Protein backbone atom coordinates (compact mmCIF):
# COMPACT_ATOMS: atom_id res chain seq x y z
CA MET A 1 -16.96 7.23 4.90
CA LYS A 2 -15.19 4.50 2.99
CA THR A 3 -12.06 2.85 4.36
CA ILE A 4 -9.78 5.08 2.29
CA LEU A 5 -6.50 3.84 3.67
CA LEU A 6 -7.34 0.26 2.85
CA ILE A 7 -8.05 1.26 -0.73
CA THR A 8 -5.12 3.54 -1.37
CA LEU A 9 -2.40 1.66 0.46
CA CYS A 10 -1.20 -1.90 0.28
CA ALA A 11 -2.66 -4.22 2.87
CA PHE A 12 -0.76 -4.63 6.09
CA THR A 13 1.25 -7.83 6.17
CA VAL A 14 1.22 -9.71 9.44
CA LEU A 15 4.76 -10.51 10.50
CA ALA A 16 6.29 -12.14 13.51
CA ALA A 17 6.23 -10.09 16.72
CA SER A 18 9.29 -7.92 17.44
CA ALA A 19 10.33 -8.01 13.77
CA GLN A 20 12.25 -5.21 12.09
CA VAL A 21 11.45 -4.48 8.46
CA VAL A 22 13.81 -2.49 6.25
CA VAL A 23 11.92 0.01 4.08
CA THR A 24 13.71 1.44 1.02
CA PRO A 25 12.60 3.48 -2.00
CA SER A 26 12.57 0.32 -4.10
CA ASN A 27 10.82 -1.83 -1.49
CA THR A 28 8.41 0.23 0.60
CA HIS A 29 6.53 -2.71 2.17
CA GLY A 30 3.23 -0.89 1.78
CA TRP A 31 4.34 2.57 2.93
CA SER A 32 3.41 5.64 0.88
CA GLN A 33 2.37 9.26 1.04
CA LEU A 34 -1.32 9.56 1.88
CA ASP A 35 -1.97 13.30 2.24
CA THR A 36 1.31 15.04 1.45
CA ARG A 37 0.40 18.44 0.00
CA THR A 38 2.11 21.11 -2.11
CA GLY A 39 5.18 22.37 -0.27
CA GLY A 40 5.64 19.12 1.63
CA SER A 41 7.97 16.26 0.72
CA THR A 42 9.27 12.91 1.92
CA ALA A 43 12.65 11.34 1.19
CA PHE A 44 14.88 8.47 2.28
CA VAL A 45 18.10 10.01 3.60
CA SER A 46 21.46 8.83 4.91
CA ASP A 47 22.14 9.39 8.62
CA SER A 48 24.97 7.56 10.35
CA THR A 49 23.47 8.48 13.75
CA ALA A 50 20.08 6.88 13.05
CA PRO A 51 18.81 4.42 15.69
CA ALA A 52 19.01 1.58 13.15
CA GLY A 53 21.00 1.11 9.96
CA ILE A 54 22.47 4.08 8.12
CA GLY A 55 19.39 6.10 7.20
CA ALA A 56 15.99 7.52 8.03
CA LEU A 57 12.80 8.97 6.55
CA GLU A 58 12.74 12.75 6.08
CA LEU A 59 9.52 14.75 6.40
CA LYS A 60 9.93 18.31 5.17
CA THR A 61 7.75 21.39 4.64
CA ASP A 62 8.54 24.68 2.95
CA ALA A 63 7.75 28.15 4.33
CA THR A 64 4.03 27.99 3.46
CA ASN A 65 1.27 27.09 5.94
CA ALA A 66 -0.41 24.80 3.40
CA ALA A 67 2.58 22.45 3.19
CA LYS A 68 2.09 18.98 4.68
CA ALA A 69 4.21 15.82 4.65
CA ASP A 70 3.23 12.33 5.75
CA TYR A 71 4.16 8.69 5.25
CA MET A 72 1.57 6.07 6.14
CA HIS A 73 0.91 2.34 6.21
CA ALA A 74 -2.50 0.66 6.05
CA THR A 75 -3.76 -1.85 8.56
CA ASN A 76 -7.08 -3.37 9.59
CA THR A 77 -6.57 -3.92 13.30
CA ALA A 78 -9.10 -3.84 16.10
CA LEU A 79 -8.41 -0.86 18.35
CA SER A 80 -8.64 -3.23 21.29
CA ALA A 81 -5.76 -5.29 19.83
CA VAL A 82 -3.30 -2.40 19.63
CA THR A 83 -0.57 -3.02 22.20
CA GLN A 84 2.60 -1.21 21.19
CA LEU A 85 3.23 2.03 19.30
CA SER A 86 6.47 4.00 19.13
CA TYR A 87 8.79 5.94 16.86
CA ASP A 88 12.09 7.82 16.86
CA THR A 89 12.53 11.39 15.64
CA ARG A 90 15.34 13.85 15.04
CA GLN A 91 14.34 17.50 14.73
CA ILE A 92 16.75 18.99 12.20
CA THR A 93 14.91 22.32 11.93
CA ALA A 94 11.46 23.58 12.88
CA SER A 95 9.77 26.97 13.03
CA SER A 96 8.89 26.11 16.65
CA PRO A 97 11.63 24.89 19.02
CA THR A 98 9.25 22.23 20.35
CA GLY A 99 8.05 21.18 16.89
CA ASP A 100 8.34 17.56 15.79
CA ALA A 101 6.67 14.96 13.60
CA SER A 102 3.50 13.41 15.01
CA TYR A 103 2.51 9.74 15.14
CA GLN A 104 -0.94 9.27 13.59
CA LEU A 105 -3.62 6.59 13.89
CA PRO A 106 -6.59 6.96 11.50
CA VAL A 107 -9.42 5.03 13.18
CA CYS A 108 -13.08 4.13 12.76
CA LEU A 109 -14.24 4.46 16.35
CA GLY A 110 -17.60 2.89 15.55
CA GLY A 111 -16.06 0.11 13.47
CA ILE A 112 -16.69 -0.75 9.80
CA ASP A 113 -20.16 -1.67 8.57
CA ALA A 114 -21.17 -4.50 6.19
CA ASN A 115 -20.75 -2.19 3.16
CA GLY A 116 -17.17 -1.28 4.06
CA ASN A 117 -18.04 2.15 5.43
CA CYS A 118 -15.88 3.58 8.20
CA LEU A 119 -18.09 4.62 11.09
CA ASN A 120 -17.11 7.65 13.18
CA PHE A 121 -13.80 8.34 11.50
CA THR A 122 -11.10 10.41 13.16
CA THR A 123 -7.33 10.56 13.32
CA LEU A 124 -5.71 10.16 16.72
CA VAL A 125 -2.58 12.28 16.90
CA PHE A 126 0.36 11.88 19.29
CA GLU A 127 2.67 14.89 19.41
CA PRO A 128 5.88 14.90 21.49
CA TYR A 129 5.49 18.47 22.70
CA TRP A 130 2.17 17.61 24.37
CA ASN A 131 3.78 14.59 26.04
CA THR A 132 6.23 16.41 28.26
CA ALA A 133 6.34 13.51 30.71
CA GLN A 134 8.54 11.78 28.11
CA GLY A 135 10.92 14.74 27.91
CA ALA A 136 11.26 17.92 25.86
CA VAL A 137 12.05 17.93 22.15
CA VAL A 138 15.79 18.44 21.70
CA ASN A 139 17.10 19.87 18.43
CA ASN A 140 19.30 17.66 16.26
CA THR A 141 19.07 14.70 18.64
CA TRP A 142 17.46 11.30 18.09
CA GLN A 143 14.67 10.70 20.62
CA SER A 144 12.37 7.73 21.21
CA TRP A 145 8.68 8.26 21.91
CA ASP A 146 6.43 5.72 23.69
CA VAL A 147 3.24 6.49 21.79
CA ASP A 148 0.89 3.90 23.31
CA ALA A 149 1.65 5.32 26.78
CA GLY A 150 1.02 8.91 25.70
CA LEU A 151 -1.76 11.41 25.05
CA PHE A 152 -3.64 11.79 21.76
CA TRP A 153 -5.82 14.58 20.41
CA SER A 154 -8.58 13.89 17.89
CA SER A 155 -8.85 15.47 14.43
CA GLN A 156 -12.66 15.12 14.40
CA THR A 157 -15.60 15.43 16.75
CA THR A 158 -17.65 12.24 16.56
CA ASN A 159 -20.02 10.21 18.73
CA ALA A 160 -20.26 6.44 18.22
CA GLY A 161 -22.71 6.04 21.08
CA GLY A 162 -22.36 5.68 24.82
CA ALA A 163 -18.99 6.74 26.13
CA CYS A 164 -17.36 6.33 22.69
CA GLN A 165 -17.12 9.97 21.71
CA VAL A 166 -14.29 12.41 21.08
CA THR A 167 -14.03 16.15 20.53
CA ALA A 168 -11.77 17.69 17.92
CA GLY A 169 -8.65 19.10 19.52
CA ALA A 170 -7.44 21.32 16.64
CA GLY A 171 -3.86 20.49 17.56
CA GLY A 172 -4.34 20.29 21.31
CA PRO A 173 -6.69 19.32 24.15
CA PRO A 174 -8.89 17.55 24.97
CA PHE A 175 -6.59 14.57 25.18
CA TYR A 176 -7.32 10.84 25.22
CA THR A 177 -5.26 7.81 26.15
CA LEU A 178 -5.14 4.61 24.15
CA ALA A 179 -6.39 2.62 27.13
CA GLN A 180 -9.33 5.02 27.55
CA LEU A 181 -10.40 4.73 23.91
CA GLN A 182 -10.01 0.96 23.90
CA ALA A 183 -12.33 0.76 26.90
CA THR A 184 -14.98 3.16 25.58
CA CYS A 185 -14.90 2.17 21.88
CA PRO A 186 -14.90 -1.66 21.81
CA ASN A 187 -15.83 -1.74 18.09
CA GLY A 188 -13.06 0.61 16.99
CA VAL A 189 -10.85 -0.35 14.05
CA VAL A 190 -7.45 1.16 13.25
CA GLN A 191 -7.06 1.81 9.52
CA GLY A 192 -3.44 2.94 9.40
CA PHE A 193 -0.41 4.33 11.17
CA GLY A 194 2.48 6.58 10.33
CA ALA A 195 4.25 9.89 10.79
CA ASN A 196 3.15 13.38 9.80
CA VAL A 197 4.14 17.03 9.73
CA GLY A 198 0.80 18.77 9.40
CA SER A 199 -0.24 22.02 7.78
CA TYR A 200 0.54 25.27 9.62
CA ASN A 201 3.97 23.83 10.43
CA PRO A 202 6.16 25.71 7.92
CA SER A 203 9.90 25.19 7.47
CA TYR A 204 10.08 21.83 9.23
CA ASP A 205 12.78 19.27 8.52
CA ILE A 206 12.32 16.15 10.64
CA TYR A 207 13.96 12.73 10.41
CA VAL A 208 11.88 9.73 11.51
CA ASP A 209 12.86 6.09 11.99
CA LEU A 210 11.71 2.84 13.60
CA ILE A 211 8.01 3.58 13.33
CA SER A 212 6.57 0.68 15.28
CA PHE A 213 3.09 -0.85 15.31
CA ASN A 214 2.31 -3.87 17.49
CA GLY A 215 5.92 -4.98 17.74
CA ILE A 216 6.90 -4.51 14.08
CA ALA A 217 9.44 -1.71 13.68
CA TYR A 218 10.03 -0.18 10.25
CA ASP A 219 13.62 0.87 9.60
CA PHE A 220 13.82 3.46 6.81
CA GLU A 221 16.95 3.28 4.66
CA PRO A 222 18.05 4.95 1.40
CA TYR A 223 19.23 1.49 0.32
CA GLN A 224 19.73 -1.93 1.89
CA VAL A 225 23.22 -3.01 2.87
CA ALA A 226 24.25 -6.59 2.05
CA SER A 227 24.64 -8.53 5.29
CA ASN A 228 24.59 -12.20 4.20
CA LYS A 229 25.70 -14.08 1.10
CA ASP A 230 22.21 -15.30 0.22
CA GLN A 231 21.21 -11.72 -0.49
CA CYS A 232 23.88 -11.63 -3.21
CA LYS A 233 22.51 -14.63 -5.11
CA ASP A 234 19.99 -14.76 -7.97
CA GLY A 235 20.76 -11.21 -9.01
CA GLY A 236 20.40 -9.80 -5.53
CA TRP A 237 23.84 -8.20 -5.75
CA MET A 238 22.30 -5.59 -8.05
CA SER A 239 19.83 -4.45 -5.37
CA TYR A 240 22.08 -4.38 -2.31
CA ARG A 241 24.95 -2.00 -1.56
CA ARG A 242 27.97 -1.46 0.61
CA THR A 243 27.59 0.56 3.83
CA GLY A 244 28.85 3.68 2.10
CA GLY A 245 26.44 3.22 -0.79
CA GLY A 246 28.85 1.64 -3.25
CA THR A 247 27.46 -0.94 -5.68
CA PHE A 248 28.82 -4.41 -6.53
CA LYS A 249 30.38 -5.56 -9.79
CA ASN A 250 28.88 -9.03 -9.60
CA GLN A 251 27.69 -11.76 -7.23
CA GLY A 252 31.21 -12.71 -6.19
CA ASP A 253 32.06 -9.11 -5.32
CA CYS A 254 28.97 -8.94 -3.12
CA ILE A 255 29.77 -12.22 -1.33
CA GLN A 256 33.34 -11.10 -0.73
CA TYR A 257 32.06 -7.89 0.86
CA VAL A 258 29.73 -9.83 3.16
CA ASN A 259 32.54 -12.19 4.19
CA THR A 260 35.36 -9.68 4.57
CA GLY A 261 33.89 -6.19 4.55
CA LYS A 262 36.06 -5.33 1.54
């Protein structure tokens, strides 16, 4: 299998540890839909209660079982080098009271060969409702999930040799920990990361924010609010907005807002 994520998505940019990157519709920083299907949709929405900024990413499905919504980012990171994964969710509505968006890691457990083929592909899926040690899903409430400390199920059954083998969970057990897979699959390579509402999850409306991978947290916003005067220069005032979404008349108007809030 070819490294599909690396072909279809922009390459992951290495940033300083503990950075926070603002993702907007006009500047996605490599994020995009990978396998969103008919009946599923993604959108950047305003939410004053979001854990960062004034917005979030919405993953939504209609009443059909075929609907699927995801938003993914490519990477090319050794599985052994993955140290920190997390995300925040807010369940607006779901056909199941415990339903939520999952955190997904498409991986090549056997690594990538000299021809660029992904060996022993599967997607590792973290779902909050299987990780009850971190608390139950609460409707209409922002919750943080410590993904790297949790349990994953595998989308595929594959054997990369030795102890590096997984069995498809079909949405449930058997479960695997990140530490377990790092120990048994030393050649594993992570191809991407992101959030997903899978098929057979009809009528879901989930907000997601601060999807984090190895210390870089992605803050999803419907637009970026001007916070320093340099952002207003060189035409930047046309791209930034006020907190409430209002636009600027010119550079001076933008700088005045940054300095005074008016």
